[in-house]
Amino acid sequence: MISALLARVQAYRAKGLAGIAPYARNDGETRSPGNELRSASQAMQILQKYAPHAYSMLLEYPNAKALGTEETFPWTHFIAQDVPTIALTHSCFIPEGAAWIVVQRQFYVSAGYNSEQAVAAFFPTQSGTVVVYANRTSTDQIEGFGGGTKRSIGSRVMASQLQSLFEKVRRAVK
């Protein structure tokens, strides 16, 4: 198991999104976490204007790593929906002038969902810091009949939780 996880990390570090092996499904289909993460990165086009080095890195890693980028590759073991789950994560802190872009990309997940990418951008202003946050999680669990409704409900729940989290942070900073 450890050698298979290590091989996944090495392939990702060498080839980026193209190095992420697809998941085989029981029905003979495959899912590509690399393609899902590419789509999540392309959806962050606003970064292309305000943080072009970070945007390039999301799409072209490891070939476009911004100078001063700090990165780690932790693996975590947790229980998700009563199922033991292992995730391989690429965490990076990307300087972009006075701004910082923080990325957490789960490029392998053993159960529950396919991939996840969270991006937080911190842009300093004269009166504080503008924070932009985006998260995209890809899963097979919301496909088929009722999938649109499940996605809509999930988005509303996530938005509510994020709003609450950011309000707590704002109050703590004041």
C-alpha atoms as a PDB file:
ATOM      1  CA  MET A   1       0.000   0.000   0.000  1.00  0.00           C
ATOM      2  CA  ILE A   2       2.736   2.490   0.987  1.00  0.00           C
ATOM      3  CA  SER A   3       4.685   1.802  -2.200  1.00  0.00           C
ATOM      4  CA  ALA A   4       1.557   2.405  -4.323  1.00  0.00           C
ATOM      5  CA  LEU A   5       0.917   5.730  -2.553  1.00  0.00           C
ATOM      6  CA  LEU A   6       4.558   6.733  -2.969  1.00  0.00           C
ATOM      7  CA  ALA A   7       4.378   5.891  -6.682  1.00  0.00           C
ATOM      8  CA  ARG A   8       1.316   8.164  -7.029  1.00  0.00           C
ATOM      9  CA  VAL A   9       3.124  11.047  -5.311  1.00  0.00           C
ATOM     10  CA  GLN A  10       6.222  10.560  -7.468  1.00  0.00           C
ATOM     11  CA  ALA A  11       4.181  10.467 -10.694  1.00  0.00           C
ATOM     12  CA  TYR A  12       2.314  13.641  -9.725  1.00  0.00           C
ATOM     13  CA  ARG A  13       5.529  15.456  -8.758  1.00  0.00           C
ATOM     14  CA  ALA A  14       7.136  14.455 -12.052  1.00  0.00           C
ATOM     15  CA  LYS A  15       4.240  15.021 -14.475  1.00  0.00           C
ATOM     16  CA  GLY A  16       1.659  17.096 -12.596  1.00  0.00           C
ATOM     17  CA  LEU A  17      -1.958  16.570 -13.570  1.00  0.00           C
ATOM     18  CA  ALA A  18      -0.937  14.280 -16.437  1.00  0.00           C
ATOM     19  CA  GLY A  19       0.789  11.976 -13.932  1.00  0.00           C
ATOM     20  CA  ILE A  20      -2.346  11.276 -11.897  1.00  0.00           C
ATOM     21  CA  ALA A  21      -3.559   7.759 -12.639  1.00  0.00           C
ATOM     22  CA  PRO A  22      -7.293   7.424 -13.318  1.00  0.00           C
ATOM     23  CA  TYR A  23      -9.602   5.453 -11.049  1.00  0.00           C
ATOM     24  CA  ALA A  24     -11.100   2.252 -12.450  1.00  0.00           C
ATOM     25  CA  ARG A  25     -14.769   1.731 -11.620  1.00  0.00           C
ATOM     26  CA  ASN A  26     -16.681  -1.545 -11.269  1.00  0.00           C
ATOM     27  CA  ASP A  27     -18.670  -0.845 -14.442  1.00  0.00           C
ATOM     28  CA  GLY A  28     -15.475  -0.688 -16.520  1.00  0.00           C
ATOM     29  CA  GLU A  29     -15.561   3.118 -16.637  1.00  0.00           C
ATOM     30  CA  THR A  30     -12.715   5.313 -15.407  1.00  0.00           C
ATOM     31  CA  ARG A  31     -12.607   8.691 -13.674  1.00  0.00           C
ATOM     32  CA  SER A  32      -9.683  11.058 -14.104  1.00  0.00           C
ATOM     33  CA  PRO A  33      -8.783  13.111 -11.029  1.00  0.00           C
ATOM     34  CA  GLY A  34      -6.237  14.896 -13.240  1.00  0.00           C
ATOM     35  CA  ASN A  35      -8.962  16.099 -15.607  1.00  0.00           C
ATOM     36  CA  GLU A  36     -11.215  17.039 -12.684  1.00  0.00           C
ATOM     37  CA  LEU A  37      -8.447  19.102 -11.077  1.00  0.00           C
ATOM     38  CA  ARG A  38      -7.645  20.733 -14.432  1.00  0.00           C
ATOM     39  CA  SER A  39     -11.302  21.742 -14.727  1.00  0.00           C
ATOM     40  CA  ALA A  40     -11.280  23.094 -11.157  1.00  0.00           C
ATOM     41  CA  SER A  41      -8.150  25.121 -11.952  1.00  0.00           C
ATOM     42  CA  GLN A  42      -9.569  26.509 -15.195  1.00  0.00           C
ATOM     43  CA  ALA A  43     -12.635  27.642 -13.239  1.00  0.00           C
ATOM     44  CA  MET A  44     -10.274  29.916 -11.255  1.00  0.00           C
ATOM     45  CA  GLN A  45      -9.650  32.167 -14.277  1.00  0.00           C
ATOM     46  CA  ILE A  46      -9.866  35.251 -12.065  1.00  0.00           C
ATOM     47  CA  LEU A  47      -6.421  34.243 -10.807  1.00  0.00           C
ATOM     48  CA  GLN A  48      -5.061  34.609 -14.340  1.00  0.00           C
ATOM     49  CA  LYS A  49      -5.594  38.371 -14.013  1.00  0.00           C
ATOM     50  CA  TYR A  50      -4.608  38.933 -10.372  1.00  0.00           C
ATOM     51  CA  ALA A  51      -2.201  36.051  -9.685  1.00  0.00           C
ATOM     52  CA  PRO A  52      -0.903  34.806 -13.055  1.00  0.00           C
ATOM     53  CA  HIS A  53       1.993  32.785 -11.627  1.00  0.00           C
ATOM     54  CA  ALA A  54      -0.331  30.898  -9.287  1.00  0.00           C
ATOM     55  CA  TYR A  55      -2.822  30.269 -12.096  1.00  0.00           C
ATOM     56  CA  SER A  56      -0.068  28.893 -14.340  1.00  0.00           C
ATOM     57  CA  MET A  57       1.176  26.688 -11.534  1.00  0.00           C
ATOM     58  CA  LEU A  58      -2.286  25.192 -11.002  1.00  0.00           C
ATOM     59  CA  LEU A  59      -2.456  24.150 -14.653  1.00  0.00           C
ATOM     60  CA  GLU A  60       1.173  23.389 -15.454  1.00  0.00           C
ATOM     61  CA  TYR A  61       2.677  22.013 -12.239  1.00  0.00           C
ATOM     62  CA  PRO A  62       5.564  21.097 -11.883  1.00  0.00           C
ATOM     63  CA  ASN A  63       6.788  23.032 -14.925  1.00  0.00           C
ATOM     64  CA  ALA A  64       5.468  26.433 -13.819  1.00  0.00           C
ATOM     65  CA  LYS A  65       6.320  26.536 -10.137  1.00  0.00           C
ATOM     66  CA  ALA A  66       6.431  30.158  -8.979  1.00  0.00           C
ATOM     67  CA  LEU A  67       9.652  31.367  -7.371  1.00  0.00           C
ATOM     68  CA  GLY A  68       9.385  31.190  -3.577  1.00  0.00           C
ATOM     69  CA  THR A  69       6.629  28.571  -3.584  1.00  0.00           C
ATOM     70  CA  GLU A  70       6.564  26.351  -0.508  1.00  0.00           C
ATOM     71  CA  GLU A  71       4.955  22.936  -0.872  1.00  0.00           C
ATOM     72  CA  THR A  72       4.287  19.766   1.085  1.00  0.00           C
ATOM     73  CA  PHE A  73       2.839  16.376   0.166  1.00  0.00           C
ATOM     74  CA  PRO A  74       1.140  14.982   3.275  1.00  0.00           C
ATOM     75  CA  TRP A  75      -1.070  11.938   3.328  1.00  0.00           C
ATOM     76  CA  THR A  76      -3.947  11.647   5.742  1.00  0.00           C
ATOM     77  CA  HIS A  77      -5.994   8.769   7.060  1.00  0.00           C
ATOM     78  CA  PHE A  78      -9.503   9.639   8.228  1.00  0.00           C
ATOM     79  CA  ILE A  79     -13.002   8.210   8.498  1.00  0.00           C
ATOM     80  CA  ALA A  80     -15.502   9.608   5.979  1.00  0.00           C
ATOM     81  CA  GLN A  81     -19.079   8.355   6.102  1.00  0.00           C
ATOM     82  CA  ASP A  82     -17.939   5.432   8.294  1.00  0.00           C
ATOM     83  CA  VAL A  83     -15.315   4.377   5.695  1.00  0.00           C
ATOM     84  CA  PRO A  84     -11.548   4.462   6.362  1.00  0.00           C
ATOM     85  CA  THR A  85     -10.147   6.849   3.747  1.00  0.00           C
ATOM     86  CA  ILE A  86      -6.631   7.804   2.659  1.00  0.00           C
ATOM     87  CA  ALA A  87      -5.924  11.045   0.802  1.00  0.00           C
ATOM     88  CA  LEU A  88      -2.748  12.270  -0.863  1.00  0.00           C
ATOM     89  CA  THR A  89      -2.548  16.053  -0.772  1.00  0.00           C
ATOM     90  CA  HIS A  90      -0.420  18.695  -2.434  1.00  0.00           C
ATOM     91  CA  SER A  91      -0.387  21.804  -0.265  1.00  0.00           C
ATOM     92  CA  CYS A  92       1.370  24.890  -1.524  1.00  0.00           C
ATOM     93  CA  PHE A  93       1.872  28.500  -0.573  1.00  0.00           C
ATOM     94  CA  ILE A  94       2.486  30.639  -3.646  1.00  0.00           C
ATOM     95  CA  PRO A  95       3.767  34.218  -3.354  1.00  0.00           C
ATOM     96  CA  GLU A  96       2.344  36.605  -5.937  1.00  0.00           C
ATOM     97  CA  GLY A  97       3.816  40.044  -5.314  1.00  0.00           C
ATOM     98  CA  ALA A  98       2.383  41.141  -1.970  1.00  0.00           C
ATOM     99  CA  ALA A  99      -0.378  38.518  -2.236  1.00  0.00           C
ATOM    100  CA  TRP A 100      -0.335  34.883  -1.201  1.00  0.00           C
ATOM    101  CA  ILE A 101      -2.236  32.031  -2.814  1.00  0.00           C
ATOM    102  CA  VAL A 102      -2.782  28.906  -0.717  1.00  0.00           C
ATOM    103  CA  VAL A 103      -3.748  25.685  -2.496  1.00  0.00           C
ATOM    104  CA  GLN A 104      -4.755  22.307  -1.144  1.00  0.00           C
ATOM    105  CA  ARG A 105      -5.183  19.722  -3.865  1.00  0.00           C
ATOM    106  CA  GLN A 106      -6.179  16.152  -3.000  1.00  0.00           C
ATOM    107  CA  PHE A 107      -5.046  14.229  -6.057  1.00  0.00           C
ATOM    108  CA  TYR A 108      -5.770  10.750  -4.711  1.00  0.00           C
ATOM    109  CA  VAL A 109      -8.601   9.750  -2.379  1.00  0.00           C
ATOM    110  CA  SER A 110      -9.263   6.084  -1.637  1.00  0.00           C
ATOM    111  CA  ALA A 111     -13.022   6.368  -0.990  1.00  0.00           C
ATOM    112  CA  GLY A 112     -15.942   8.792  -0.933  1.00  0.00           C
ATOM    113  CA  TYR A 113     -14.921  11.306  -3.583  1.00  0.00           C
ATOM    114  CA  ASN A 114     -12.479  11.532  -6.489  1.00  0.00           C
ATOM    115  CA  SER A 115     -10.499  14.716  -5.929  1.00  0.00           C
ATOM    116  CA  GLU A 116     -10.666  18.082  -4.221  1.00  0.00           C
ATOM    117  CA  GLN A 117      -9.056  21.448  -4.754  1.00  0.00           C
ATOM    118  CA  ALA A 118      -9.336  24.382  -2.393  1.00  0.00           C
ATOM    119  CA  VAL A 119      -7.790  27.752  -3.245  1.00  0.00           C
ATOM    120  CA  ALA A 120      -7.579  30.723  -0.905  1.00  0.00           C
ATOM    121  CA  ALA A 121      -6.113  33.971  -2.214  1.00  0.00           C
ATOM    122  CA  PHE A 122      -5.078  36.778   0.135  1.00  0.00           C
ATOM    123  CA  PHE A 123      -4.734  40.165  -1.559  1.00  0.00           C
ATOM    124  CA  PRO A 124      -3.577  43.048   0.666  1.00  0.00           C
ATOM    125  CA  THR A 125      -5.325  46.407   0.294  1.00  0.00           C
ATOM    126  CA  GLN A 126      -4.847  49.751   2.024  1.00  0.00           C
ATOM    127  CA  SER A 127      -7.609  48.947   4.500  1.00  0.00           C
ATOM    128  CA  GLY A 128      -7.041  45.237   5.074  1.00  0.00           C
ATOM    129  CA  THR A 129      -6.988  42.035   3.063  1.00  0.00           C
ATOM    130  CA  VAL A 130      -9.362  40.743   0.425  1.00  0.00           C
ATOM    131  CA  VAL A 131      -9.831  36.987   0.734  1.00  0.00           C
ATOM    132  CA  VAL A 132     -11.087  34.915  -2.170  1.00  0.00           C
ATOM    133  CA  TYR A 133     -11.905  31.247  -1.560  1.00  0.00           C
ATOM    134  CA  ALA A 134     -12.973  28.515  -3.949  1.00  0.00           C
ATOM    135  CA  ASN A 135     -13.398  24.802  -3.438  1.00  0.00           C
ATOM    136  CA  ARG A 136     -14.320  22.107  -5.894  1.00  0.00           C
ATOM    137  CA  THR A 137     -14.836  18.513  -4.877  1.00  0.00           C
ATOM    138  CA  SER A 138     -15.467  15.893  -7.533  1.00  0.00           C
ATOM    139  CA  THR A 139     -17.478  12.780  -6.750  1.00  0.00           C
ATOM    140  CA  ASP A 140     -19.443  10.071  -8.525  1.00  0.00           C
ATOM    141  CA  GLN A 141     -22.051  10.112  -5.744  1.00  0.00           C
ATOM    142  CA  ILE A 142     -24.119  12.939  -7.216  1.00  0.00           C
ATOM    143  CA  GLU A 143     -24.455  11.635 -10.754  1.00  0.00           C
ATOM    144  CA  GLY A 144     -27.598  10.269 -12.331  1.00  0.00           C
ATOM    145  CA  PHE A 145     -31.181  10.846 -11.242  1.00  0.00           C
ATOM    146  CA  GLY A 146     -31.426  13.713  -8.772  1.00  0.00           C
ATOM    147  CA  GLY A 147     -27.801  14.727  -9.244  1.00  0.00           C
ATOM    148  CA  GLY A 148     -28.644  18.369  -9.950  1.00  0.00           C
ATOM    149  CA  THR A 149     -30.691  18.605  -6.776  1.00  0.00           C
ATOM    150  CA  LYS A 150     -27.919  16.963  -4.734  1.00  0.00           C
ATOM    151  CA  ARG A 151     -25.328  19.408  -6.124  1.00  0.00           C
ATOM    152  CA  SER A 152     -27.589  22.375  -5.395  1.00  0.00           C
ATOM    153  CA  ILE A 153     -28.198  21.272  -1.803  1.00  0.00           C
ATOM    154  CA  GLY A 154     -24.499  20.543  -1.292  1.00  0.00           C
ATOM    155  CA  SER A 155     -23.545  23.975  -2.620  1.00  0.00           C
ATOM    156  CA  ARG A 156     -25.982  25.728  -0.278  1.00  0.00           C
ATOM    157  CA  VAL A 157     -24.760  23.769   2.748  1.00  0.00           C
ATOM    158  CA  MET A 158     -21.118  24.485   1.885  1.00  0.00           C
ATOM    159  CA  ALA A 159     -21.819  28.206   1.315  1.00  0.00           C
ATOM    160  CA  SER A 160     -23.547  28.446   4.687  1.00  0.00           C
ATOM    161  CA  GLN A 161     -20.678  26.707   6.470  1.00  0.00           C
ATOM    162  CA  LEU A 162     -18.078  28.909   4.766  1.00  0.00           C
ATOM    163  CA  GLN A 163     -19.990  32.074   5.574  1.00  0.00           C
ATOM    164  CA  SER A 164     -20.108  31.041   9.223  1.00  0.00           C
ATOM    165  CA  LEU A 165     -16.393  30.220   9.234  1.00  0.00           C
ATOM    166  CA  PHE A 166     -15.386  33.536   7.669  1.00  0.00           C
ATOM    167  CA  GLU A 167     -17.625  35.455  10.077  1.00  0.00           C
ATOM    168  CA  LYS A 168     -15.891  33.766  13.021  1.00  0.00           C
ATOM    169  CA  VAL A 169     -12.480  34.673  11.579  1.00  0.00           C
ATOM    170  CA  ARG A 170     -13.590  38.282  10.971  1.00  0.00           C
ATOM    171  CA  ARG A 171     -14.835  38.632  14.565  1.00  0.00           C
ATOM    172  CA  ALA A 172     -11.642  37.092  15.937  1.00  0.00           C
ATOM    173  CA  VAL A 173      -9.454  39.510  13.946  1.00  0.00           C
ATOM    174  CA  LYS A 174     -11.365  42.596  15.143  1.00  0.00           C
END
